[in-house]
Amino acid sequence: HVHFTALGYDAPGSSVERAHLLADVIDNLAMDSTYYQKRALTFPLRA
């Protein structure tokens, strides 16, 4: 699923640790088909 939010809205999970811009995802996959199978992805977790 893809989130669409107002640019000025600080939506939960819209910060850099968790959100991956769709335009960037498209560009990354266009450059390397298996980008997201290989890439280390950081993400926050609650205790």
ModelCIF file with pLDDT and N, C-alpha, C, O atoms, coordinates in Angstrom:
data_MODEL
#
_entry.id   MODEL 
#
_entity.id                         1 
_entity.type                       polymer 
_entity.pdbx_number_of_molecules   1 
#
_entity_poly.entity_id                      1 
_entity_poly.type                           'polypeptide(L)' 
_entity_poly.nstd_linkage                   no 
_entity_poly.nstd_monomer                   no 
_entity_poly.pdbx_seq_one_letter_code       HVHFTALGYDAPGSSVERAHLLADVIDNLAMDSTYYQKRALTFPLRA 
_entity_poly.pdbx_seq_one_letter_code_can   HVHFTALGYDAPGSSVERAHLLADVIDNLAMDSTYYQKRALTFPLRA 
_entity_poly.pdbx_strand_id                 A 
#
loop_
_entity_poly_seq.entity_id 
_entity_poly_seq.num 
_entity_poly_seq.mon_id 
_entity_poly_seq.hetero 
1 1  HIS n 
1 2  VAL n 
1 3  HIS n 
1 4  PHE n 
1 5  THR n 
1 6  ALA n 
1 7  LEU n 
1 8  GLY n 
1 9  TYR n 
1 10 ASP n 
1 11 ALA n 
1 12 PRO n 
1 13 GLY n 
1 14 SER n 
1 15 SER n 
1 16 VAL n 
1 17 GLU n 
1 18 ARG n 
1 19 ALA n 
1 20 HIS n 
1 21 LEU n 
1 22 LEU n 
1 23 ALA n 
1 24 ASP n 
1 25 VAL n 
1 26 ILE n 
1 27 ASP n 
1 28 ASN n 
1 29 LEU n 
1 30 ALA n 
1 31 MET n 
1 32 ASP n 
1 33 SER n 
1 34 THR n 
1 35 TYR n 
1 36 TYR n 
1 37 GLN n 
1 38 LYS n 
1 39 ARG n 
1 40 ALA n 
1 41 LEU n 
1 42 THR n 
1 43 PHE n 
1 44 PRO n 
1 45 LEU n 
1 46 ARG n 
1 47 ALA n 
#
_struct_asym.id          A 
_struct_asym.entity_id   1 
#
loop_
_ma_qa_metric.id 
_ma_qa_metric.mode 
_ma_qa_metric.name 
_ma_qa_metric.software_group_id 
_ma_qa_metric.type 
1 global pLDDT . pLDDT 
2 local  pLDDT . pLDDT 
#
_ma_qa_metric_global.metric_id      1 
_ma_qa_metric_global.metric_value   89.34 
_ma_qa_metric_global.model_id       1 
_ma_qa_metric_global.ordinal_id     1 
#
loop_
_ma_qa_metric_local.label_asym_id 
_ma_qa_metric_local.label_comp_id 
_ma_qa_metric_local.label_seq_id 
_ma_qa_metric_local.metric_id 
_ma_qa_metric_local.metric_value 
_ma_qa_metric_local.model_id 
_ma_qa_metric_local.ordinal_id 
A HIS 1  2 96.00 1 1  
A VAL 2  2 97.00 1 2  
A HIS 3  2 96.00 1 3  
A PHE 4  2 97.00 1 4  
A THR 5  2 96.00 1 5  
A ALA 6  2 95.00 1 6  
A LEU 7  2 93.00 1 7  
A GLY 8  2 90.00 1 8  
A TYR 9  2 91.00 1 9  
A ASP 10 2 85.00 1 10 
A ALA 11 2 84.00 1 11 
A PRO 12 2 77.00 1 12 
A GLY 13 2 75.00 1 13 
A SER 14 2 80.00 1 14 
A SER 15 2 73.00 1 15 
A VAL 16 2 72.00 1 16 
A GLU 17 2 74.00 1 17 
A ARG 18 2 80.00 1 18 
A ALA 19 2 92.00 1 19 
A HIS 20 2 94.00 1 20 
A LEU 21 2 96.00 1 21 
A LEU 22 2 98.00 1 22 
A ALA 23 2 98.00 1 23 
A ASP 24 2 97.00 1 24 
A VAL 25 2 97.00 1 25 
A ILE 26 2 98.00 1 26 
A ASP 27 2 98.00 1 27 
A ASN 28 2 97.00 1 28 
A LEU 29 2 98.00 1 29 
A ALA 30 2 98.00 1 30 
A MET 31 2 98.00 1 31 
A ASP 32 2 98.00 1 32 
A SER 33 2 97.00 1 33 
A THR 34 2 96.00 1 34 
A TYR 35 2 97.00 1 35 
A TYR 36 2 95.00 1 36 
A GLN 37 2 94.00 1 37 
A LYS 38 2 94.00 1 38 
A ARG 39 2 89.00 1 39 
A ALA 40 2 87.00 1 40 
A LEU 41 2 86.00 1 41 
A THR 42 2 79.00 1 42 
A PHE 43 2 75.00 1 43 
A PRO 44 2 71.00 1 44 
A LEU 45 2 73.00 1 45 
A ARG 46 2 75.00 1 46 
A ALA 47 2 83.00 1 47 
#
loop_
_atom_site.group_PDB 
_atom_site.id 
_atom_site.type_symbol 
_atom_site.label_atom_id 
_atom_site.label_alt_id 
_atom_site.label_comp_id 
_atom_site.label_asym_id 
_atom_site.label_entity_id 
_atom_site.label_seq_id 
_atom_site.pdbx_PDB_ins_code 
_atom_site.Cartn_x 
_atom_site.Cartn_y 
_atom_site.Cartn_z 
_atom_site.occupancy 
_atom_site.B_iso_or_equiv 
_atom_site.pdbx_formal_charge 
_atom_site.auth_seq_id 
_atom_site.auth_comp_id 
_atom_site.auth_asym_id 
_atom_site.auth_atom_id 
_atom_site.pdbx_PDB_model_num 
ATOM 1   N N  . HIS A 1 1  ? 0.853  -1.182 0.000   1.00 96.00 ? 1  HIS A N  1 
ATOM 2   C CA . HIS A 1 1  ? 0.000  0.000  0.000   1.00 96.00 ? 1  HIS A CA 1 
ATOM 3   C C  . HIS A 1 1  ? 0.895  1.240  0.000   1.00 96.00 ? 1  HIS A C  1 
ATOM 4   O O  . HIS A 1 1  ? 2.027  1.218  0.484   1.00 96.00 ? 1  HIS A O  1 
ATOM 5   N N  . VAL A 1 2  ? 0.351  2.312  -0.555  1.00 97.00 ? 2  VAL A N  1 
ATOM 6   C CA . VAL A 1 2  ? 1.088  3.567  -0.686  1.00 97.00 ? 2  VAL A CA 1 
ATOM 7   C C  . VAL A 1 2  ? 0.301  4.663  0.015   1.00 97.00 ? 2  VAL A C  1 
ATOM 8   O O  . VAL A 1 2  ? -0.913 4.776  -0.154  1.00 97.00 ? 2  VAL A O  1 
ATOM 9   N N  . HIS A 1 3  ? 1.005  5.470  0.803   1.00 96.00 ? 3  HIS A N  1 
ATOM 10  C CA . HIS A 1 3  ? 0.397  6.573  1.545   1.00 96.00 ? 3  HIS A CA 1 
ATOM 11  C C  . HIS A 1 3  ? 0.472  7.854  0.725   1.00 96.00 ? 3  HIS A C  1 
ATOM 12  O O  . HIS A 1 3  ? 1.503  8.152  0.121   1.00 96.00 ? 3  HIS A O  1 
ATOM 13  N N  . PHE A 1 4  ? -0.618 8.607  0.705   1.00 97.00 ? 4  PHE A N  1 
ATOM 14  C CA . PHE A 1 4  ? -0.686 9.930  0.087   1.00 97.00 ? 4  PHE A CA 1 
ATOM 15  C C  . PHE A 1 4  ? -1.106 10.894 1.195   1.00 97.00 ? 4  PHE A C  1 
ATOM 16  O O  . PHE A 1 4  ? -2.227 10.804 1.696   1.00 97.00 ? 4  PHE A O  1 
ATOM 17  N N  . THR A 1 5  ? -0.225 11.811 1.581   1.00 96.00 ? 5  THR A N  1 
ATOM 18  C CA . THR A 1 5  ? -0.570 12.767 2.626   1.00 96.00 ? 5  THR A CA 1 
ATOM 19  C C  . THR A 1 5  ? -0.274 14.186 2.150   1.00 96.00 ? 5  THR A C  1 
ATOM 20  O O  . THR A 1 5  ? 0.539  14.401 1.251   1.00 96.00 ? 5  THR A O  1 
ATOM 21  N N  . ALA A 1 6  ? -0.952 15.146 2.774   1.00 95.00 ? 6  ALA A N  1 
ATOM 22  C CA . ALA A 1 6  ? -0.661 16.551 2.500   1.00 95.00 ? 6  ALA A CA 1 
ATOM 23  C C  . ALA A 1 6  ? 0.772  16.823 2.920   1.00 95.00 ? 6  ALA A C  1 
ATOM 24  O O  . ALA A 1 6  ? 1.214  16.371 3.976   1.00 95.00 ? 6  ALA A O  1 
ATOM 25  N N  . LEU A 1 7  ? 1.488  17.554 2.099   1.00 93.00 ? 7  LEU A N  1 
ATOM 26  C CA . LEU A 1 7  ? 2.907  17.825 2.336   1.00 93.00 ? 7  LEU A CA 1 
ATOM 27  C C  . LEU A 1 7  ? 3.154  18.464 3.697   1.00 93.00 ? 7  LEU A C  1 
ATOM 28  O O  . LEU A 1 7  ? 4.149  18.153 4.351   1.00 93.00 ? 7  LEU A O  1 
ATOM 29  N N  . GLY A 1 8  ? 2.272  19.344 4.130   1.00 90.00 ? 8  GLY A N  1 
ATOM 30  C CA . GLY A 1 8  ? 2.448  20.038 5.402   1.00 90.00 ? 8  GLY A CA 1 
ATOM 31  C C  . GLY A 1 8  ? 2.013  19.240 6.616   1.00 90.00 ? 8  GLY A C  1 
ATOM 32  O O  . GLY A 1 8  ? 2.211  19.683 7.748   1.00 90.00 ? 8  GLY A O  1 
ATOM 33  N N  . TYR A 1 9  ? 1.419  18.064 6.403   1.00 91.00 ? 9  TYR A N  1 
ATOM 34  C CA . TYR A 1 9  ? 0.913  17.254 7.512   1.00 91.00 ? 9  TYR A CA 1 
ATOM 35  C C  . TYR A 1 9  ? 1.998  16.300 7.999   1.00 91.00 ? 9  TYR A C  1 
ATOM 36  O O  . TYR A 1 9  ? 2.560  15.535 7.216   1.00 91.00 ? 9  TYR A O  1 
ATOM 37  N N  . ASP A 1 10 ? 2.287  16.350 9.282   1.00 85.00 ? 10 ASP A N  1 
ATOM 38  C CA . ASP A 1 10 ? 3.289  15.472 9.878   1.00 85.00 ? 10 ASP A CA 1 
ATOM 39  C C  . ASP A 1 10 ? 2.603  14.160 10.261  1.00 85.00 ? 10 ASP A C  1 
ATOM 40  O O  . ASP A 1 10 ? 2.344  13.902 11.437  1.00 85.00 ? 10 ASP A O  1 
ATOM 41  N N  . ALA A 1 11 ? 2.318  13.353 9.273   1.00 84.00 ? 11 ALA A N  1 
ATOM 42  C CA . ALA A 1 11 ? 1.584  12.104 9.490   1.00 84.00 ? 11 ALA A CA 1 
ATOM 43  C C  . ALA A 1 11 ? 2.434  11.103 10.250  1.00 84.00 ? 11 ALA A C  1 
ATOM 44  O O  . ALA A 1 11 ? 3.657  11.101 10.116  1.00 84.00 ? 11 ALA A O  1 
ATOM 45  N N  . PRO A 1 12 ? 1.795  10.247 11.053  1.00 77.00 ? 12 PRO A N  1 
ATOM 46  C CA . PRO A 1 12 ? 2.554  9.199  11.745  1.00 77.00 ? 12 PRO A CA 1 
ATOM 47  C C  . PRO A 1 12 ? 3.294  8.323  10.720  1.00 77.00 ? 12 PRO A C  1 
ATOM 48  O O  . PRO A 1 12 ? 2.702  7.874  9.739   1.00 77.00 ? 12 PRO A O  1 
ATOM 49  N N  . GLY A 1 13 ? 4.570  8.090  10.956  1.00 75.00 ? 13 GLY A N  1 
ATOM 50  C CA . GLY A 1 13 ? 5.344  7.239  10.065  1.00 75.00 ? 13 GLY A CA 1 
ATOM 51  C C  . GLY A 1 13 ? 5.827  7.906  8.794   1.00 75.00 ? 13 GLY A C  1 
ATOM 52  O O  . GLY A 1 13 ? 6.313  7.229  7.888   1.00 75.00 ? 13 GLY A O  1 
ATOM 53  N N  . SER A 1 14 ? 5.701  9.228  8.707   1.00 80.00 ? 14 SER A N  1 
ATOM 54  C CA . SER A 1 14 ? 6.138  9.922  7.485   1.00 80.00 ? 14 SER A CA 1 
ATOM 55  C C  . SER A 1 14 ? 7.591  10.385 7.587   1.00 80.00 ? 14 SER A C  1 
ATOM 56  O O  . SER A 1 14 ? 8.109  11.020 6.668   1.00 80.00 ? 14 SER A O  1 
ATOM 57  N N  . SER A 1 15 ? 8.247  10.069 8.705   1.00 73.00 ? 15 SER A N  1 
ATOM 58  C CA . SER A 1 15 ? 9.629  10.500 8.879   1.00 73.00 ? 15 SER A CA 1 
ATOM 59  C C  . SER A 1 15 ? 10.582 9.611  8.090   1.00 73.00 ? 15 SER A C  1 
ATOM 60  O O  . SER A 1 15 ? 10.205 8.535  7.627   1.00 73.00 ? 15 SER A O  1 
ATOM 61  N N  . VAL A 1 16 ? 11.797 10.065 7.946   1.00 72.00 ? 16 VAL A N  1 
ATOM 62  C CA . VAL A 1 16 ? 12.790 9.421  7.100   1.00 72.00 ? 16 VAL A CA 1 
ATOM 63  C C  . VAL A 1 16 ? 13.128 7.996  7.549   1.00 72.00 ? 16 VAL A C  1 
ATOM 64  O O  . VAL A 1 16 ? 13.533 7.179  6.722   1.00 72.00 ? 16 VAL A O  1 
ATOM 65  N N  . GLU A 1 17 ? 12.971 7.681  8.829   1.00 74.00 ? 17 GLU A N  1 
ATOM 66  C CA . GLU A 1 17 ? 13.324 6.340  9.295   1.00 74.00 ? 17 GLU A CA 1 
ATOM 67  C C  . GLU A 1 17 ? 12.395 5.272  8.759   1.00 74.00 ? 17 GLU A C  1 
ATOM 68  O O  . GLU A 1 17 ? 12.781 4.106  8.678   1.00 74.00 ? 17 GLU A O  1 
ATOM 69  N N  . ARG A 1 18 ? 11.189 5.638  8.394   1.00 80.00 ? 18 ARG A N  1 
ATOM 70  C CA . ARG A 1 18 ? 10.193 4.641  8.012   1.00 80.00 ? 18 ARG A CA 1 
ATOM 71  C C  . ARG A 1 18 ? 9.622  4.861  6.618   1.00 80.00 ? 18 ARG A C  1 
ATOM 72  O O  . ARG A 1 18 ? 9.197  3.900  5.978   1.00 80.00 ? 18 ARG A O  1 
ATOM 73  N N  . ALA A 1 19 ? 9.600  6.082  6.135   1.00 92.00 ? 19 ALA A N  1 
ATOM 74  C CA . ALA A 1 19 ? 8.955  6.403  4.869   1.00 92.00 ? 19 ALA A CA 1 
ATOM 75  C C  . ALA A 1 19 ? 9.957  6.386  3.714   1.00 92.00 ? 19 ALA A C  1 
ATOM 76  O O  . ALA A 1 19 ? 11.052 6.942  3.807   1.00 92.00 ? 19 ALA A O  1 
ATOM 77  N N  . HIS A 1 20 ? 9.556  5.739  2.634   1.00 94.00 ? 20 HIS A N  1 
ATOM 78  C CA . HIS A 1 20 ? 10.364 5.689  1.409   1.00 94.00 ? 20 HIS A CA 1 
ATOM 79  C C  . HIS A 1 20 ? 9.513  6.294  0.302   1.00 94.00 ? 20 HIS A C  1 
ATOM 80  O O  . HIS A 1 20 ? 8.478  5.743  -0.075  1.00 94.00 ? 20 HIS A O  1 
ATOM 81  N N  . LEU A 1 21 ? 9.964  7.444  -0.219  1.00 96.00 ? 21 LEU A N  1 
ATOM 82  C CA . LEU A 1 21 ? 9.188  8.154  -1.232  1.00 96.00 ? 21 LEU A CA 1 
ATOM 83  C C  . LEU A 1 21 ? 8.993  7.283  -2.466  1.00 96.00 ? 21 LEU A C  1 
ATOM 84  O O  . LEU A 1 21 ? 9.939  6.666  -2.955  1.00 96.00 ? 21 LEU A O  1 
ATOM 85  N N  . LEU A 1 22 ? 7.763  7.237  -2.965  1.00 98.00 ? 22 LEU A N  1 
ATOM 86  C CA . LEU A 1 22 ? 7.446  6.389  -4.107  1.00 98.00 ? 22 LEU A CA 1 
ATOM 87  C C  . LEU A 1 22 ? 8.280  6.767  -5.329  1.00 98.00 ? 22 LEU A C  1 
ATOM 88  O O  . LEU A 1 22 ? 8.720  5.881  -6.062  1.00 98.00 ? 22 LEU A O  1 
ATOM 89  N N  . ALA A 1 23 ? 8.504  8.042  -5.564  1.00 98.00 ? 23 ALA A N  1 
ATOM 90  C CA . ALA A 1 23 ? 9.315  8.465  -6.713  1.00 98.00 ? 23 ALA A CA 1 
ATOM 91  C C  . ALA A 1 23 ? 10.738 7.912  -6.594  1.00 98.00 ? 23 ALA A C  1 
ATOM 92  O O  . ALA A 1 23 ? 11.331 7.509  -7.594  1.00 98.00 ? 23 ALA A O  1 
ATOM 93  N N  . ASP A 1 24 ? 11.288 7.892  -5.375  1.00 97.00 ? 24 ASP A N  1 
ATOM 94  C CA . ASP A 1 24 ? 12.623 7.332  -5.159  1.00 97.00 ? 24 ASP A CA 1 
ATOM 95  C C  . ASP A 1 24 ? 12.624 5.822  -5.365  1.00 97.00 ? 24 ASP A C  1 
ATOM 96  O O  . ASP A 1 24 ? 13.560 5.273  -5.948  1.00 97.00 ? 24 ASP A O  1 
ATOM 97  N N  . VAL A 1 25 ? 11.583 5.150  -4.891  1.00 97.00 ? 25 VAL A N  1 
ATOM 98  C CA . VAL A 1 25 ? 11.466 3.696  -5.066  1.00 97.00 ? 25 VAL A CA 1 
ATOM 99  C C  . VAL A 1 25 ? 11.459 3.363  -6.563  1.00 97.00 ? 25 VAL A C  1 
ATOM 100 O O  . VAL A 1 25 ? 12.143 2.439  -7.004  1.00 97.00 ? 25 VAL A O  1 
ATOM 101 N N  . ILE A 1 26 ? 10.688 4.117  -7.329  1.00 98.00 ? 26 ILE A N  1 
ATOM 102 C CA . ILE A 1 26 ? 10.621 3.906  -8.786  1.00 98.00 ? 26 ILE A CA 1 
ATOM 103 C C  . ILE A 1 26 ? 12.001 4.107  -9.408  1.00 98.00 ? 26 ILE A C  1 
ATOM 104 O O  . ILE A 1 26 ? 12.446 3.284  -10.207 1.00 98.00 ? 26 ILE A O  1 
ATOM 105 N N  . ASP A 1 27 ? 12.675 5.191  -9.048  1.00 98.00 ? 27 ASP A N  1 
ATOM 106 C CA . ASP A 1 27 ? 14.017 5.455  -9.598  1.00 98.00 ? 27 ASP A CA 1 
ATOM 107 C C  . ASP A 1 27 ? 15.003 4.352  -9.222  1.00 98.00 ? 27 ASP A C  1 
ATOM 108 O O  . ASP A 1 27 ? 15.789 3.909  -10.059 1.00 98.00 ? 27 ASP A O  1 
ATOM 109 N N  . ASN A 1 28 ? 14.965 3.909  -7.966  1.00 97.00 ? 28 ASN A N  1 
ATOM 110 C CA . ASN A 1 28 ? 15.885 2.863  -7.518  1.00 97.00 ? 28 ASN A CA 1 
ATOM 111 C C  . ASN A 1 28 ? 15.667 1.557  -8.279  1.00 97.00 ? 28 ASN A C  1 
ATOM 112 O O  . ASN A 1 28 ? 16.629 0.897  -8.672  1.00 97.00 ? 28 ASN A O  1 
ATOM 113 N N  . LEU A 1 29 ? 14.410 1.187  -8.486  1.00 98.00 ? 29 LEU A N  1 
ATOM 114 C CA . LEU A 1 29 ? 14.110 -0.050 -9.212  1.00 98.00 ? 29 LEU A CA 1 
ATOM 115 C C  . LEU A 1 29 ? 14.434 0.066  -10.695 1.00 98.00 ? 29 LEU A C  1 
ATOM 116 O O  . LEU A 1 29 ? 14.796 -0.921 -11.334 1.00 98.00 ? 29 LEU A O  1 
ATOM 117 N N  . ALA A 1 30 ? 14.305 1.271  -11.240 1.00 98.00 ? 30 ALA A N  1 
ATOM 118 C CA . ALA A 1 30 ? 14.654 1.483  -12.652 1.00 98.00 ? 30 ALA A CA 1 
ATOM 119 C C  . ALA A 1 30 ? 16.164 1.311  -12.856 1.00 98.00 ? 30 ALA A C  1 
ATOM 120 O O  . ALA A 1 30 ? 16.602 0.860  -13.914 1.00 98.00 ? 30 ALA A O  1 
ATOM 121 N N  . MET A 1 31 ? 16.951 1.669  -11.847 1.00 98.00 ? 31 MET A N  1 
ATOM 122 C CA . MET A 1 31 ? 18.407 1.518  -11.928 1.00 98.00 ? 31 MET A CA 1 
ATOM 123 C C  . MET A 1 31 ? 18.866 0.090  -11.635 1.00 98.00 ? 31 MET A C  1 
ATOM 124 O O  . MET A 1 31 ? 19.824 -0.401 -12.231 1.00 98.00 ? 31 MET A O  1 
ATOM 125 N N  . ASP A 1 32 ? 18.164 -0.570 -10.704 1.00 98.00 ? 32 ASP A N  1 
ATOM 126 C CA . ASP A 1 32 ? 18.565 -1.915 -10.278 1.00 98.00 ? 32 ASP A CA 1 
ATOM 127 C C  . ASP A 1 32 ? 17.303 -2.681 -9.876  1.00 98.00 ? 32 ASP A C  1 
ATOM 128 O O  . ASP A 1 32 ? 16.677 -2.373 -8.862  1.00 98.00 ? 32 ASP A O  1 
ATOM 129 N N  . SER A 1 33 ? 16.943 -3.666 -10.669 1.00 97.00 ? 33 SER A N  1 
ATOM 130 C CA . SER A 1 33 ? 15.706 -4.416 -10.469 1.00 97.00 ? 33 SER A CA 1 
ATOM 131 C C  . SER A 1 33 ? 15.594 -5.061 -9.090  1.00 97.00 ? 33 SER A C  1 
ATOM 132 O O  . SER A 1 33 ? 14.488 -5.216 -8.572  1.00 97.00 ? 33 SER A O  1 
ATOM 133 N N  . THR A 1 34 ? 16.701 -5.432 -8.501  1.00 96.00 ? 34 THR A N  1 
ATOM 134 C CA . THR A 1 34 ? 16.663 -6.110 -7.200  1.00 96.00 ? 34 THR A CA 1 
ATOM 135 C C  . THR A 1 34 ? 17.168 -5.214 -6.056  1.00 96.00 ? 34 THR A C  1 
ATOM 136 O O  . THR A 1 34 ? 17.633 -5.705 -5.027  1.00 96.00 ? 34 THR A O  1 
ATOM 137 N N  . TYR A 1 35 ? 17.069 -3.924 -6.254  1.00 97.00 ? 35 TYR A N  1 
ATOM 138 C CA . TYR A 1 35 ? 17.559 -2.944 -5.277  1.00 97.00 ? 35 TYR A CA 1 
ATOM 139 C C  . TYR A 1 35 ? 17.066 -3.259 -3.860  1.00 97.00 ? 35 TYR A C  1 
ATOM 140 O O  . TYR A 1 35 ? 17.859 -3.270 -2.919  1.00 97.00 ? 35 TYR A O  1 
ATOM 141 N N  . TYR A 1 36 ? 15.767 -3.514 -3.705  1.00 95.00 ? 36 TYR A N  1 
ATOM 142 C CA . TYR A 1 36 ? 15.203 -3.679 -2.363  1.00 95.00 ? 36 TYR A CA 1 
ATOM 143 C C  . TYR A 1 36 ? 15.400 -5.075 -1.783  1.00 95.00 ? 36 TYR A C  1 
ATOM 144 O O  . TYR A 1 36 ? 15.115 -5.295 -0.606  1.00 95.00 ? 36 TYR A O  1 
ATOM 145 N N  . GLN A 1 37 ? 15.876 -6.010 -2.578  1.00 94.00 ? 37 GLN A N  1 
ATOM 146 C CA . GLN A 1 37 ? 16.277 -7.302 -2.025  1.00 94.00 ? 37 GLN A CA 1 
ATOM 147 C C  . GLN A 1 37 ? 17.691 -7.212 -1.442  1.00 94.00 ? 37 GLN A C  1 
ATOM 148 O O  . GLN A 1 37 ? 18.038 -7.968 -0.534  1.00 94.00 ? 37 GLN A O  1 
ATOM 149 N N  . LYS A 1 38 ? 18.499 -6.294 -1.961  1.00 94.00 ? 38 LYS A N  1 
ATOM 150 C CA . LYS A 1 38 ? 19.898 -6.178 -1.561  1.00 94.00 ? 38 LYS A CA 1 
ATOM 151 C C  . LYS A 1 38 ? 20.162 -5.074 -0.543  1.00 94.00 ? 38 LYS A C  1 
ATOM 152 O O  . LYS A 1 38 ? 21.101 -5.175 0.246   1.00 94.00 ? 38 LYS A O  1 
ATOM 153 N N  . ARG A 1 39 ? 19.373 -4.056 -0.551  1.00 89.00 ? 39 ARG A N  1 
ATOM 154 C CA . ARG A 1 39 ? 19.620 -2.841 0.233   1.00 89.00 ? 39 ARG A CA 1 
ATOM 155 C C  . ARG A 1 39 ? 19.370 -3.054 1.711   1.00 89.00 ? 39 ARG A C  1 
ATOM 156 O O  . ARG A 1 39 ? 18.355 -3.640 2.087   1.00 89.00 ? 39 ARG A O  1 
ATOM 157 N N  . ALA A 1 40 ? 20.270 -2.593 2.548   1.00 87.00 ? 40 ALA A N  1 
ATOM 158 C CA . ALA A 1 40 ? 20.027 -2.563 3.989   1.00 87.00 ? 40 ALA A CA 1 
ATOM 159 C C  . ALA A 1 40 ? 19.031 -1.446 4.267   1.00 87.00 ? 40 ALA A C  1 
ATOM 160 O O  . ALA A 1 40 ? 19.233 -0.310 3.838   1.00 87.00 ? 40 ALA A O  1 
ATOM 161 N N  . LEU A 1 41 ? 17.970 -1.760 4.974   1.00 86.00 ? 41 LEU A N  1 
ATOM 162 C CA . LEU A 1 41 ? 16.937 -0.772 5.281   1.00 86.00 ? 41 LEU A CA 1 
ATOM 163 C C  . LEU A 1 41 ? 16.804 -0.637 6.794   1.00 86.00 ? 41 LEU A C  1 
ATOM 164 O O  . LEU A 1 41 ? 16.526 -1.610 7.494   1.00 86.00 ? 41 LEU A O  1 
ATOM 165 N N  . THR A 1 42 ? 17.007 0.576  7.283   1.00 79.00 ? 42 THR A N  1 
ATOM 166 C CA . THR A 1 42 ? 16.817 0.813  8.716   1.00 79.00 ? 42 THR A CA 1 
ATOM 167 C C  . THR A 1 42 ? 15.364 1.145  8.965   1.00 79.00 ? 42 THR A C  1 
ATOM 168 O O  . THR A 1 42 ? 14.677 1.674  8.091   1.00 79.00 ? 42 THR A O  1 
ATOM 169 N N  . PHE A 1 43 ? 14.899 0.832  10.162  1.00 75.00 ? 43 PHE A N  1 
ATOM 170 C CA . PHE A 1 43 ? 13.527 1.155  10.526  1.00 75.00 ? 43 PHE A CA 1 
ATOM 171 C C  . PHE A 1 43 ? 13.419 1.212  12.045  1.00 75.00 ? 43 PHE A C  1 
ATOM 172 O O  . PHE A 1 43 ? 14.153 0.515  12.746  1.00 75.00 ? 43 PHE A O  1 
ATOM 173 N N  . PRO A 1 44 ? 12.510 2.036  12.555  1.00 71.00 ? 44 PRO A N  1 
ATOM 174 C CA . PRO A 1 44 ? 12.346 2.142  14.005  1.00 71.00 ? 44 PRO A CA 1 
ATOM 175 C C  . PRO A 1 44 ? 11.446 1.027  14.533  1.00 71.00 ? 44 PRO A C  1 
ATOM 176 O O  . PRO A 1 44 ? 10.550 0.551  13.837  1.00 71.00 ? 44 PRO A O  1 
ATOM 177 N N  . LEU A 1 45 ? 11.698 0.627  15.758  1.00 73.00 ? 45 LEU A N  1 
ATOM 178 C CA . LEU A 1 45 ? 10.846 -0.341 16.452  1.00 73.00 ? 45 LEU A CA 1 
ATOM 179 C C  . LEU A 1 45 ? 10.574 0.175  17.857  1.00 73.00 ? 45 LEU A C  1 
ATOM 180 O O  . LEU A 1 45 ? 11.460 0.728  18.510  1.00 73.00 ? 45 LEU A O  1 
ATOM 181 N N  . ARG A 1 46 ? 9.335  -0.013 18.317  1.00 75.00 ? 46 ARG A N  1 
ATOM 182 C CA . ARG A 1 46 ? 9.008  0.306  19.705  1.00 75.00 ? 46 ARG A CA 1 
ATOM 183 C C  . ARG A 1 46 ? 9.486  -0.841 20.594  1.00 75.00 ? 46 ARG A C  1 
ATOM 184 O O  . ARG A 1 46 ? 9.561  -1.988 20.153  1.00 75.00 ? 46 ARG A O  1 
ATOM 185 N N  . ALA A 1 47 ? 9.803  -0.528 21.834  1.00 83.00 ? 47 ALA A N  1 
ATOM 186 C CA . ALA A 1 47 ? 10.318 -1.533 22.763  1.00 83.00 ? 47 ALA A CA 1 
ATOM 187 C C  . ALA A 1 47 ? 9.323  -2.660 23.022  1.00 83.00 ? 47 ALA A C  1 
ATOM 188 O O  . ALA A 1 47 ? 9.618  -3.580 23.785  1.00 83.00 ? 47 ALA A O  1 
#
